[in-house]
Amino acid sequence: VGVSGKDAGLLKCKKKTAGGKDIGYVGEIVETNVDLINTLI
């Protein structure tokens, strides 16, 4: 089953920077919810 980190709150992010520079919508993971993954397994 294909999923993305958006599904069931799997990967929650904050904005990641590069040397203090804004690089747009690049995410740094701050929260991981694997309930969906465990259900699939």
PDB file of all heavy atoms in Angstrom:
ATOM      1  N   VAL A   1       0.854  -1.189   0.000  1.00  0.00           N
ATOM      2  CA  VAL A   1       0.000   0.000   0.000  1.00  0.00           C
ATOM      3  C   VAL A   1       0.886   1.234   0.000  1.00  0.00           C
ATOM      4  O   VAL A   1       1.771   1.377   0.851  1.00  0.00           O
ATOM      5  CB  VAL A   1      -0.917   0.029   1.239  1.00  0.00           C
ATOM      6  CG1 VAL A   1      -1.721   1.328   1.269  1.00  0.00           C
ATOM      7  CG2 VAL A   1      -1.863  -1.164   1.236  1.00  0.00           C
ATOM      8  N   GLY A   2       0.647   2.131  -0.960  1.00  0.00           N
ATOM      9  CA  GLY A   2       1.416   3.365  -1.031  1.00  0.00           C
ATOM     10  C   GLY A   2       0.800   4.451  -0.171  1.00  0.00           C
ATOM     11  O   GLY A   2      -0.410   4.674  -0.211  1.00  0.00           O
ATOM     12  N   VAL A   3       1.614   5.096   0.628  1.00  0.00           N
ATOM     13  CA  VAL A   3       1.154   6.210   1.467  1.00  0.00           C
ATOM     14  C   VAL A   3       2.184   7.327   1.388  1.00  0.00           C
ATOM     15  O   VAL A   3       3.317   7.122   0.946  1.00  0.00           O
ATOM     16  CB  VAL A   3       0.970   5.783   2.948  1.00  0.00           C
ATOM     17  CG1 VAL A   3      -0.045   4.667   3.073  1.00  0.00           C
ATOM     18  CG2 VAL A   3       2.302   5.354   3.574  1.00  0.00           C
ATOM     19  N   SER A   4       1.800   8.505   1.832  1.00  0.00           N
ATOM     20  CA  SER A   4       2.755   9.595   1.983  1.00  0.00           C
ATOM     21  C   SER A   4       2.778  10.003   3.441  1.00  0.00           C
ATOM     22  O   SER A   4       1.925   9.577   4.235  1.00  0.00           O
ATOM     23  CB  SER A   4       2.380  10.794   1.100  1.00  0.00           C
ATOM     24  OG  SER A   4       1.420  11.623   1.739  1.00  0.00           O
ATOM     25  N   GLY A   5       3.733  10.839   3.787  1.00  0.00           N
ATOM     26  CA  GLY A   5       3.844  11.290   5.161  1.00  0.00           C
ATOM     27  C   GLY A   5       2.677  12.142   5.611  1.00  0.00           C
ATOM     28  O   GLY A   5       2.516  12.414   6.804  1.00  0.00           O
ATOM     29  N   LYS A   6       1.819  12.553   4.654  1.00  0.00           N
ATOM     30  CA  LYS A   6       0.635  13.333   5.002  1.00  0.00           C
ATOM     31  C   LYS A   6      -0.487  12.451   5.537  1.00  0.00           C
ATOM     32  O   LYS A   6      -1.364  12.928   6.252  1.00  0.00           O
ATOM     33  CB  LYS A   6       0.127  14.102   3.776  1.00  0.00           C
ATOM     34  CG  LYS A   6       1.086  15.146   3.244  1.00  0.00           C
ATOM     35  CD  LYS A   6       0.428  16.017   2.190  1.00  0.00           C
ATOM     36  CE  LYS A   6       0.106  15.233   0.935  1.00  0.00           C
ATOM     37  NZ  LYS A   6      -0.502  16.097  -0.107  1.00  0.00           N
ATOM     38  N   ASP A   7      -0.477  11.176   5.166  1.00  0.00           N
ATOM     39  CA  ASP A   7      -1.563  10.275   5.533  1.00  0.00           C
ATOM     40  C   ASP A   7      -1.574   9.978   7.027  1.00  0.00           C
ATOM     41  O   ASP A   7      -0.555   9.555   7.599  1.00  0.00           O
ATOM     42  CB  ASP A   7      -1.451   8.966   4.743  1.00  0.00           C
ATOM     43  CG  ASP A   7      -1.645   9.169   3.250  1.00  0.00           C
ATOM     44  OD1 ASP A   7      -2.479  10.004   2.876  1.00  0.00           O
ATOM     45  OD2 ASP A   7      -0.950   8.492   2.469  1.00  0.00           O
ATOM     46  N   ALA A   8      -2.724  10.178   7.651  1.00  0.00           N
ATOM     47  CA  ALA A   8      -2.935   9.875   9.068  1.00  0.00           C
ATOM     48  C   ALA A   8      -1.895  10.539   9.969  1.00  0.00           C
ATOM     49  O   ALA A   8      -1.533   9.995  11.016  1.00  0.00           O
ATOM     50  CB  ALA A   8      -2.937   8.357   9.292  1.00  0.00           C
ATOM     51  N   GLY A   9      -1.401  11.700   9.543  1.00  0.00           N
ATOM     52  CA  GLY A   9      -0.441  12.429  10.374  1.00  0.00           C
ATOM     53  C   GLY A   9       0.872  11.707  10.576  1.00  0.00           C
ATOM     54  O   GLY A   9       1.531  11.869  11.609  1.00  0.00           O
ATOM     55  N   LEU A  10       1.280  10.939   9.563  1.00  0.00           N
ATOM     56  CA  LEU A  10       2.506  10.137   9.684  1.00  0.00           C
ATOM     57  C   LEU A  10       3.728  11.004   9.957  1.00  0.00           C
ATOM     58  O   LEU A  10       4.505  10.735  10.878  1.00  0.00           O
ATOM     59  CB  LEU A  10       2.707   9.310   8.404  1.00  0.00           C
ATOM     60  CG  LEU A  10       4.017   8.531   8.259  1.00  0.00           C
ATOM     61  CD1 LEU A  10       4.236   7.589   9.421  1.00  0.00           C
ATOM     62  CD2 LEU A  10       4.038   7.759   6.943  1.00  0.00           C
ATOM     63  N   LEU A  11       3.928  12.056   9.158  1.00  0.00           N
ATOM     64  CA  LEU A  11       5.101  12.913   9.319  1.00  0.00           C
ATOM     65  C   LEU A  11       4.670  14.362   9.479  1.00  0.00           C
ATOM     66  O   LEU A  11       4.132  14.961   8.537  1.00  0.00           O
ATOM     67  CB  LEU A  11       6.041  12.784   8.108  1.00  0.00           C
ATOM     68  CG  LEU A  11       6.615  11.392   7.829  1.00  0.00           C
ATOM     69  CD1 LEU A  11       7.388  11.404   6.518  1.00  0.00           C
ATOM     70  CD2 LEU A  11       7.503  10.917   8.967  1.00  0.00           C
ATOM     71  N   LYS A  12       4.900  14.948  10.641  1.00  0.00           N
ATOM     72  CA  LYS A  12       4.632  16.357  10.884  1.00  0.00           C
ATOM     73  C   LYS A  12       5.964  17.109  10.852  1.00  0.00           C
ATOM     74  O   LYS A  12       6.963  16.651  11.431  1.00  0.00           O
ATOM     75  CB  LYS A  12       3.954  16.545  12.243  1.00  0.00           C
ATOM     76  CG  LYS A  12       2.567  15.914  12.343  1.00  0.00           C
ATOM     77  CD  LYS A  12       1.556  16.687  11.526  1.00  0.00           C
ATOM     78  CE  LYS A  12       0.147  16.128  11.713  1.00  0.00           C
ATOM     79  NZ  LYS A  12      -0.382  16.364  13.069  1.00  0.00           N
ATOM     80  N   CYS A  13       5.966  18.253  10.176  1.00  0.00           N
ATOM     81  CA  CYS A  13       7.226  18.958   9.919  1.00  0.00           C
ATOM     82  C   CYS A  13       7.195  20.408  10.377  1.00  0.00           C
ATOM     83  O   CYS A  13       6.143  21.000  10.577  1.00  0.00           O
ATOM     84  CB  CYS A  13       7.518  18.972   8.416  1.00  0.00           C
ATOM     85  SG  CYS A  13       7.380  17.392   7.610  1.00  0.00           S
ATOM     86  N   LYS A  14       8.389  20.944  10.469  1.00  0.00           N
ATOM     87  CA  LYS A  14       8.563  22.389  10.532  1.00  0.00           C
ATOM     88  C   LYS A  14       9.473  22.772   9.376  1.00  0.00           C
ATOM     89  O   LYS A  14      10.111  21.904   8.753  1.00  0.00           O
ATOM     90  CB  LYS A  14       9.181  22.810  11.865  1.00  0.00           C
ATOM     91  CG  LYS A  14      10.616  22.342  12.085  1.00  0.00           C
ATOM     92  CD  LYS A  14      11.147  22.860  13.419  1.00  0.00           C
ATOM     93  CE  LYS A  14      12.608  22.430  13.621  1.00  0.00           C
ATOM     94  NZ  LYS A  14      13.154  22.926  14.912  1.00  0.00           N
ATOM     95  N   LYS A  15       9.531  24.046   9.071  1.00  0.00           N
ATOM     96  CA  LYS A  15      10.353  24.507   7.947  1.00  0.00           C
ATOM     97  C   LYS A  15      11.832  24.312   8.258  1.00  0.00           C
ATOM     98  O   LYS A  15      12.306  24.656   9.332  1.00  0.00           O
ATOM     99  CB  LYS A  15      10.066  25.977   7.659  1.00  0.00           C
ATOM    100  CG  LYS A  15      10.817  26.533   6.457  1.00  0.00           C
ATOM    101  CD  LYS A  15      10.562  28.018   6.290  1.00  0.00           C
ATOM    102  CE  LYS A  15       9.203  28.299   5.704  1.00  0.00           C
ATOM    103  NZ  LYS A  15       9.163  28.036   4.242  1.00  0.00           N
ATOM    104  N   LYS A  16      12.542  23.723   7.315  1.00  0.00           N
ATOM    105  CA  LYS A  16      13.975  23.508   7.461  1.00  0.00           C
ATOM    106  C   LYS A  16      14.721  24.630   6.737  1.00  0.00           C
ATOM    107  O   LYS A  16      14.314  25.050   5.655  1.00  0.00           O
ATOM    108  CB  LYS A  16      14.363  22.154   6.862  1.00  0.00           C
ATOM    109  CG  LYS A  16      15.782  21.698   7.158  1.00  0.00           C
ATOM    110  CD  LYS A  16      15.969  20.255   6.690  1.00  0.00           C
ATOM    111  CE  LYS A  16      17.290  19.692   7.161  1.00  0.00           C
ATOM    112  NZ  LYS A  16      17.420  18.250   6.841  1.00  0.00           N
ATOM    113  N   THR A  17      15.794  25.104   7.337  1.00  0.00           N
ATOM    114  CA  THR A  17      16.603  26.141   6.706  1.00  0.00           C
ATOM    115  C   THR A  17      17.972  25.582   6.343  1.00  0.00           C
ATOM    116  O   THR A  17      18.374  24.527   6.819  1.00  0.00           O
ATOM    117  CB  THR A  17      16.782  27.363   7.632  1.00  0.00           C
ATOM    118  OG1 THR A  17      17.437  26.934   8.839  1.00  0.00           O
ATOM    119  CG2 THR A  17      15.433  27.984   7.979  1.00  0.00           C
ATOM    120  N   ALA A  18      18.683  26.296   5.494  1.00  0.00           N
ATOM    121  CA  ALA A  18      20.034  25.896   5.089  1.00  0.00           C
ATOM    122  C   ALA A  18      20.986  27.030   5.446  1.00  0.00           C
ATOM    123  O   ALA A  18      21.017  28.056   4.776  1.00  0.00           O
ATOM    124  CB  ALA A  18      20.084  25.616   3.593  1.00  0.00           C
ATOM    125  N   GLY A  19      21.725  26.842   6.524  1.00  0.00           N
ATOM    126  CA  GLY A  19      22.636  27.885   6.971  1.00  0.00           C
ATOM    127  C   GLY A  19      21.905  29.171   7.307  1.00  0.00           C
ATOM    128  O   GLY A  19      22.406  30.265   7.071  1.00  0.00           O
ATOM    129  N   GLY A  20      20.678  29.027   7.833  1.00  0.00           N
ATOM    130  CA  GLY A  20      19.882  30.192   8.187  1.00  0.00           C
ATOM    131  C   GLY A  20      19.061  30.761   7.040  1.00  0.00           C
ATOM    132  O   GLY A  20      18.263  31.674   7.239  1.00  0.00           O
ATOM    133  N   LYS A  21      19.237  30.206   5.828  1.00  0.00           N
ATOM    134  CA  LYS A  21      18.504  30.704   4.664  1.00  0.00           C
ATOM    135  C   LYS A  21      17.191  29.956   4.472  1.00  0.00           C
ATOM    136  O   LYS A  21      17.130  28.738   4.642  1.00  0.00           O
ATOM    137  CB  LYS A  21      19.365  30.565   3.400  1.00  0.00           C
ATOM    138  CG  LYS A  21      20.596  31.459   3.385  1.00  0.00           C
ATOM    139  CD  LYS A  21      21.345  31.334   2.068  1.00  0.00           C
ATOM    140  CE  LYS A  21      22.556  32.249   2.028  1.00  0.00           C
ATOM    141  NZ  LYS A  21      23.296  32.119   0.743  1.00  0.00           N
ATOM    142  N   ASP A  22      16.162  30.694   4.099  1.00  0.00           N
ATOM    143  CA  ASP A  22      14.865  30.103   3.792  1.00  0.00           C
ATOM    144  C   ASP A  22      14.967  29.383   2.446  1.00  0.00           C
ATOM    145  O   ASP A  22      15.333  29.980   1.436  1.00  0.00           O
ATOM    146  CB  ASP A  22      13.805  31.202   3.727  1.00  0.00           C
ATOM    147  CG  ASP A  22      12.392  30.644   3.577  1.00  0.00           C
ATOM    148  OD1 ASP A  22      12.259  29.469   3.183  1.00  0.00           O
ATOM    149  OD2 ASP A  22      11.432  31.387   3.845  1.00  0.00           O
ATOM    150  N   ILE A  23      14.665  28.095   2.424  1.00  0.00           N
ATOM    151  CA  ILE A  23      14.748  27.315   1.190  1.00  0.00           C
ATOM    152  C   ILE A  23      13.367  26.795   0.771  1.00  0.00           C
ATOM    153  O   ILE A  23      13.261  25.828   0.024  1.00  0.00           O
ATOM    154  CB  ILE A  23      15.757  26.159   1.311  1.00  0.00           C
ATOM    155  CG1 ILE A  23      15.482  25.308   2.560  1.00  0.00           C
ATOM    156  CG2 ILE A  23      17.181  26.686   1.321  1.00  0.00           C
ATOM    157  CD1 ILE A  23      16.373  24.078   2.662  1.00  0.00           C
ATOM    158  N   GLY A  24      12.328  27.434   1.277  1.00  0.00           N
ATOM    159  CA  GLY A  24      10.985  27.083   0.842  1.00  0.00           C
ATOM    160  C   GLY A  24      10.385  25.936   1.623  1.00  0.00           C
ATOM    161  O   GLY A  24      10.610  25.777   2.821  1.00  0.00           O
ATOM    162  N   TYR A  25       9.652  25.109   0.912  1.00  0.00           N
ATOM    163  CA  TYR A  25       8.881  24.040   1.556  1.00  0.00           C
ATOM    164  C   TYR A  25       9.682  22.749   1.675  1.00  0.00           C
ATOM    165  O   TYR A  25       9.335  21.710   1.109  1.00  0.00           O
ATOM    166  CB  TYR A  25       7.573  23.837   0.806  1.00  0.00           C
ATOM    167  CG  TYR A  25       6.700  25.063   0.861  1.00  0.00           C
ATOM    168  CD1 TYR A  25       6.538  25.875  -0.267  1.00  0.00           C
ATOM    169  CD2 TYR A  25       6.076  25.445   2.044  1.00  0.00           C
ATOM    170  CE1 TYR A  25       5.760  27.023  -0.214  1.00  0.00           C
ATOM    171  CE2 TYR A  25       5.297  26.597   2.109  1.00  0.00           C
ATOM    172  CZ  TYR A  25       5.154  27.372   0.979  1.00  0.00           C
ATOM    173  OH  TYR A  25       4.386  28.513   1.050  1.00  0.00           O
ATOM    174  N   VAL A  26      10.767  22.841   2.419  1.00  0.00           N
ATOM    175  CA  VAL A  26      11.590  21.686   2.771  1.00  0.00           C
ATOM    176  C   VAL A  26      11.353  21.431   4.246  1.00  0.00           C
ATOM    177  O   VAL A  26      11.506  22.329   5.078  1.00  0.00           O
ATOM    178  CB  VAL A  26      13.085  21.947   2.497  1.00  0.00           C
ATOM    179  CG1 VAL A  26      13.926  20.750   2.934  1.00  0.00           C
ATOM    180  CG2 VAL A  26      13.309  22.242   1.020  1.00  0.00           C
ATOM    181  N   GLY A  27      10.972  20.206   4.571  1.00  0.00           N
ATOM    182  CA  GLY A  27      10.545  19.920   5.933  1.00  0.00           C
ATOM    183  C   GLY A  27      11.575  19.237   6.803  1.00  0.00           C
ATOM    184  O   GLY A  27      12.350  18.405   6.333  1.00  0.00           O
ATOM    185  N   GLU A  28      11.567  19.612   8.075  1.00  0.00           N
ATOM    186  CA  GLU A  28      12.337  18.911   9.104  1.00  0.00           C
ATOM    187  C   GLU A  28      11.328  18.207  10.007  1.00  0.00           C
ATOM    188  O   GLU A  28      10.439  18.841  10.582  1.00  0.00           O
ATOM    189  CB  GLU A  28      13.169  19.896   9.912  1.00  0.00           C
ATOM    190  CG  GLU A  28      13.998  19.245  11.000  1.00  0.00           C
ATOM    191  CD  GLU A  28      14.854  20.236  11.751  1.00  0.00           C
ATOM    192  OE1 GLU A  28      15.172  21.313  11.188  1.00  0.00           O
ATOM    193  OE2 GLU A  28      15.200  19.947  12.916  1.00  0.00           O
ATOM    194  N   ILE A  29      11.428  16.896  10.128  1.00  0.00           N
ATOM    195  CA  ILE A  29      10.436  16.108  10.860  1.00  0.00           C
ATOM    196  C   ILE A  29      10.518  16.400  12.356  1.00  0.00           C
ATOM    197  O   ILE A  29      11.583  16.332  12.958  1.00  0.00           O
ATOM    198  CB  ILE A  29      10.647  14.603  10.614  1.00  0.00           C
ATOM    199  CG1 ILE A  29      10.511  14.288   9.123  1.00  0.00           C
ATOM    200  CG2 ILE A  29       9.644  13.777  11.423  1.00  0.00           C
ATOM    201  CD1 ILE A  29      10.963  12.898   8.747  1.00  0.00           C
ATOM    202  N   VAL A  30       9.369  16.714  12.942  1.00  0.00           N
ATOM    203  CA  VAL A  30       9.323  16.981  14.383  1.00  0.00           C
ATOM    204  C   VAL A  30       8.405  16.005  15.106  1.00  0.00           C
ATOM    205  O   VAL A  30       8.446  15.892  16.332  1.00  0.00           O
ATOM    206  CB  VAL A  30       8.876  18.429  14.674  1.00  0.00           C
ATOM    207  CG1 VAL A  30       9.905  19.415  14.164  1.00  0.00           C
ATOM    208  CG2 VAL A  30       7.506  18.725  14.073  1.00  0.00           C
ATOM    209  N   GLU A  31       7.588  15.282  14.352  1.00  0.00           N
ATOM    210  CA  GLU A  31       6.648  14.339  14.980  1.00  0.00           C
ATOM    211  C   GLU A  31       6.351  13.210  14.009  1.00  0.00           C
ATOM    212  O   GLU A  31       6.100  13.444  12.826  1.00  0.00           O
ATOM    213  CB  GLU A  31       5.358  15.084  15.352  1.00  0.00           C
ATOM    214  CG  GLU A  31       4.375  14.279  16.168  1.00  0.00           C
ATOM    215  CD  GLU A  31       3.150  15.114  16.535  1.00  0.00           C
ATOM    216  OE1 GLU A  31       3.329  16.258  17.001  1.00  0.00           O
ATOM    217  OE2 GLU A  31       2.023  14.615  16.334  1.00  0.00           O
ATOM    218  N   THR A  32       6.388  11.982  14.502  1.00  0.00           N
ATOM    219  CA  THR A  32       6.141  10.810  13.662  1.00  0.00           C
ATOM    220  C   THR A  32       5.068   9.940  14.308  1.00  0.00           C
ATOM    221  O   THR A  32       5.228   9.495  15.440  1.00  0.00           O
ATOM    222  CB  THR A  32       7.424   9.972  13.471  1.00  0.00           C
ATOM    223  OG1 THR A  32       8.491  10.823  13.053  1.00  0.00           O
ATOM    224  CG2 THR A  32       7.215   8.883  12.433  1.00  0.00           C
ATOM    225  N   ASN A  33       3.989   9.712  13.575  1.00  0.00           N
ATOM    226  CA  ASN A  33       2.885   8.887  14.079  1.00  0.00           C
ATOM    227  C   ASN A  33       2.762   7.658  13.180  1.00  0.00           C
ATOM    228  O   ASN A  33       2.286   7.755  12.048  1.00  0.00           O
ATOM    229  CB  ASN A  33       1.587   9.690  14.069  1.00  0.00           C
ATOM    230  CG  ASN A  33       0.393   8.886  14.565  1.00  0.00           C
ATOM    231  OD1 ASN A  33       0.512   7.700  14.860  1.00  0.00           O
ATOM    232  ND2 ASN A  33      -0.756   9.524  14.650  1.00  0.00           N
ATOM    233  N   VAL A  34       3.184   6.502  13.679  1.00  0.00           N
ATOM    234  CA  VAL A  34       3.226   5.299  12.844  1.00  0.00           C
ATOM    235  C   VAL A  34       2.026   4.381  13.074  1.00  0.00           C
ATOM    236  O   VAL A  34       2.074   3.194  12.743  1.00  0.00           O
ATOM    237  CB  VAL A  34       4.541   4.516  13.067  1.00  0.00           C
ATOM    238  CG1 VAL A  34       5.727   5.254  12.478  1.00  0.00           C
ATOM    239  CG2 VAL A  34       4.772   4.220  14.544  1.00  0.00           C
ATOM    240  N   ASP A  35       0.939   4.907  13.619  1.00  0.00           N
ATOM    241  CA  ASP A  35      -0.261   4.077  13.831  1.00  0.00           C
ATOM    242  C   ASP A  35      -0.733   3.452  12.524  1.00  0.00           C
ATOM    243  O   ASP A  35      -1.068   2.259  12.467  1.00  0.00           O
ATOM    244  CB  ASP A  35      -1.395   4.906  14.444  1.00  0.00           C
ATOM    245  CG  ASP A  35      -1.128   5.278  15.897  1.00  0.00           C
ATOM    246  OD1 ASP A  35      -0.181   4.709  16.482  1.00  0.00           O
ATOM    247  OD2 ASP A  35      -1.859   6.125  16.439  1.00  0.00           O
ATOM    248  N   LEU A  36      -0.771   4.255  11.458  1.00  0.00           N
ATOM    249  CA  LEU A  36      -1.200   3.740  10.155  1.00  0.00           C
ATOM    250  C   LEU A  36      -0.249   2.653   9.665  1.00  0.00           C
ATOM    251  O   LEU A  36      -0.694   1.605   9.163  1.00  0.00           O
ATOM    252  CB  LEU A  36      -1.264   4.879   9.138  1.00  0.00           C
ATOM    253  CG  LEU A  36      -1.506   4.465   7.670  1.00  0.00           C
ATOM    254  CD1 LEU A  36      -2.844   3.757   7.526  1.00  0.00           C
ATOM    255  CD2 LEU A  36      -1.435   5.678   6.751  1.00  0.00           C
ATOM    256  N   ILE A  37       1.039   2.881   9.815  1.00  0.00           N
ATOM    257  CA  ILE A  37       2.036   1.905   9.348  1.00  0.00           C
ATOM    258  C   ILE A  37       1.892   0.594  10.110  1.00  0.00           C
ATOM    259  O   ILE A  37       1.913  -0.495   9.523  1.00  0.00           O
ATOM    260  CB  ILE A  37       3.469   2.470   9.509  1.00  0.00           C
ATOM    261  CG1 ILE A  37       3.606   3.804   8.762  1.00  0.00           C
ATOM    262  CG2 ILE A  37       4.505   1.466   9.004  1.00  0.00           C
ATOM    263  CD1 ILE A  37       3.228   3.751   7.313  1.00  0.00           C
ATOM    264  N   ASN A  38       1.708   0.671  11.412  1.00  0.00           N
ATOM    265  CA  ASN A  38       1.524  -0.549  12.212  1.00  0.00           C
ATOM    266  C   ASN A  38       0.241  -1.278  11.832  1.00  0.00           C
ATOM    267  O   ASN A  38       0.207  -2.520  11.812  1.00  0.00           O
ATOM    268  CB  ASN A  38       1.518  -0.204  13.701  1.00  0.00           C
ATOM    269  CG  ASN A  38       2.916  -0.040  14.261  1.00  0.00           C
ATOM    270  OD1 ASN A  38       3.826  -0.784  13.910  1.00  0.00           O
ATOM    271  ND2 ASN A  38       3.107   0.954  15.126  1.00  0.00           N
ATOM    272  N   THR A  39      -0.801  -0.519  11.519  1.00  0.00           N
ATOM    273  CA  THR A  39      -2.060  -1.144  11.094  1.00  0.00           C
ATOM    274  C   THR A  39      -1.869  -1.905   9.792  1.00  0.00           C
ATOM    275  O   THR A  39      -2.357  -3.037   9.633  1.00  0.00           O
ATOM    276  CB  THR A  39      -3.160  -0.074  10.916  1.00  0.00           C
ATOM    277  OG1 THR A  39      -3.411   0.554  12.177  1.00  0.00           O
ATOM    278  CG2 THR A  39      -4.453  -0.708  10.417  1.00  0.00           C
ATOM    279  N   LEU A  40      -1.141  -1.311   8.850  1.00  0.00           N
ATOM    280  CA  LEU A  40      -0.868  -1.985   7.581  1.00  0.00           C
ATOM    281  C   LEU A  40      -0.037  -3.246   7.802  1.00  0.00           C
ATOM    282  O   LEU A  40      -0.336  -4.312   7.241  1.00  0.00           O
ATOM    283  CB  LEU A  40      -0.145  -1.038   6.633  1.00  0.00           C
ATOM    284  CG  LEU A  40      -0.952   0.176   6.136  1.00  0.00           C
ATOM    285  CD1 LEU A  40      -0.060   1.127   5.351  1.00  0.00           C
ATOM    286  CD2 LEU A  40      -2.142  -0.265   5.295  1.00  0.00           C
ATOM    287  N   ILE A  41       0.994  -3.141   8.633  1.00  0.00           N
ATOM    288  CA  ILE A  41       1.842  -4.297   8.917  1.00  0.00           C
ATOM    289  C   ILE A  41       1.033  -5.409   9.575  1.00  0.00           C
ATOM    290  O   ILE A  41       1.142  -6.592   9.204  1.00  0.00           O
ATOM    291  CB  ILE A  41       3.027  -3.893   9.828  1.00  0.00           C
ATOM    292  CG1 ILE A  41       3.980  -2.961   9.082  1.00  0.00           C
ATOM    293  CG2 ILE A  41       3.780  -5.134  10.309  1.00  0.00           C
ATOM    294  CD1 ILE A  41       5.050  -2.346   9.970  1.00  0.00           C
TER     295      ILE A  41
END
